[in-house]
Amino acid sequence: MTAAEVMGSNSSNGTGSSGRDLRIDERTGAVLASHAAWNEEHRRLAEGALGALRDSGALRLLVPERAGGDEREFADMVANVREAALYDGAAAWVLMVLVGHSWMLGSMTEELQDEVYGADPDAIVPGSLAPVGSATECDGGWLIDGRWPFTSGAIWGEWFLLGSQVLAQGERPRLLHVVIPREDIAVDDNWYAIGLRGSGSCDVVAEQAFVPTHRTIDSGDLLGGRSPWSSRHRTSVYRTPILPGLAVHVAATALGLARSGLDDAAERFGVQDDRYMGSSKSKRPGLHMRLAEANTEVRSAELLIDDTLELLRQAADGADSKELRAQAKYQGSYAIELCRRALDRVTTAAGGRAVFDGSRLQQAFRDATMASQHQVADLDTVGEAYGRTRLGMDPGPHPL
């Protein structure tokens, strides 16, 4: 048995993906891996990588069935994103974002769903949920202005899901999420980052873009689970709480990255010699303990994700509450942190030869570090909310 086998297999039937509808098989994974270096160099997803995701059917996993999609379970998305991250973190991240947005569009009007997916259920919908744009009401809809950062997959976008706020003097801003077609969006190629370099998470800009009312949704209705459209589907998946769900989305990427990086670390430790000690690194007790702890952290993240998926299923089926959302969001965020810690633990001991470009461990470490910077992974804020609920208190102002 190899060191990698001791750490855990990356097969499609591995823990966390068994029994799920896996579209990212070894053939698709090989295509994603073959483009990973190009993605890194060019700071965006290659057309061939995006084509592989499209051909796999993974992009339509959470597109509503009524709009031509597959409307699968939320856990199917998690399994496919995790699998993609075993081959390339950037491709997995873009997949995660695109499937996540198609899931959210299931809570918007049927007219919008038909516009976006009527001709192509694999339509590409990047976006940025932060309410950094401004919305001005006009006849028949809204005029939208703004610059949105971290718009992963922007160059390939056909439609964009963007957060905005309606500014009124002396009032708390009303928040809106809007969907804007590509012709009304400019992409600023400014994506230079420590990790997820191939995700093309550029800024996008809109200037006085007209958005008709049917392409908008009140953010409180979307995030709070109050959309009347989310209940008009065959399944309850569109009633899954958005923000805790996003935490699990990001955790799925981090989990695949951690598994890939730990496998690479185990392989390295099994064959490298300590040039100063004159013996194999695999004989170091310290490495044994690092591998054991890192692998257990990742296994704990898997179990947390599985438990959180069950909480989200319960919420979608009618058991939603602030307490459940706080727990689910914290557990998803904590799973991300466990994966980041595991990669940090083994990268520290991997030696100088692991830091060069081309190292799976180095790239997984950078990508997971970047993923952990997502707003949903802010353990301070979500931890406060969850901790307050454990004391019987209201979770406070933090968005759940």
Foldseek 3Di string as FASTA:
>chain_A
DALLVVLFDLACCGFLRNPADALCHVVLLVQLLVCQVVLLVVLAGDPSNLVSCVVSLLLQCCQFVVLPGDNHALSNNLSHLLSSLLRHLLSSVQSLQSSLVSLLCLLADPVVSCVQRVVHSNAGEWEAEPAAWEWDDDVQFTFIWDKGFQRFNVVRHQKYWYKHWYDDPPDDTFIKIFIGGPVQKDWDQDQDALASSSRSRTMITGGRGGGGPRRMDGVCCSQVQNRPSCPPGPDLNSSQHSLLSVLSSLLSSLLSLLSSLLSLLSNLQVPDPDPVVRGGSVPDPLLVVLSVQLSVLSVQLSVLSVVLSVLRNVSSVPPDDLLSSLSSLLSSLVSLVSSLVSLVSSVVVRDDVQCDPPRSSNNSNSHSVVSCPDPSNPNVLSVQLNVQVVVVHHSPDDRD
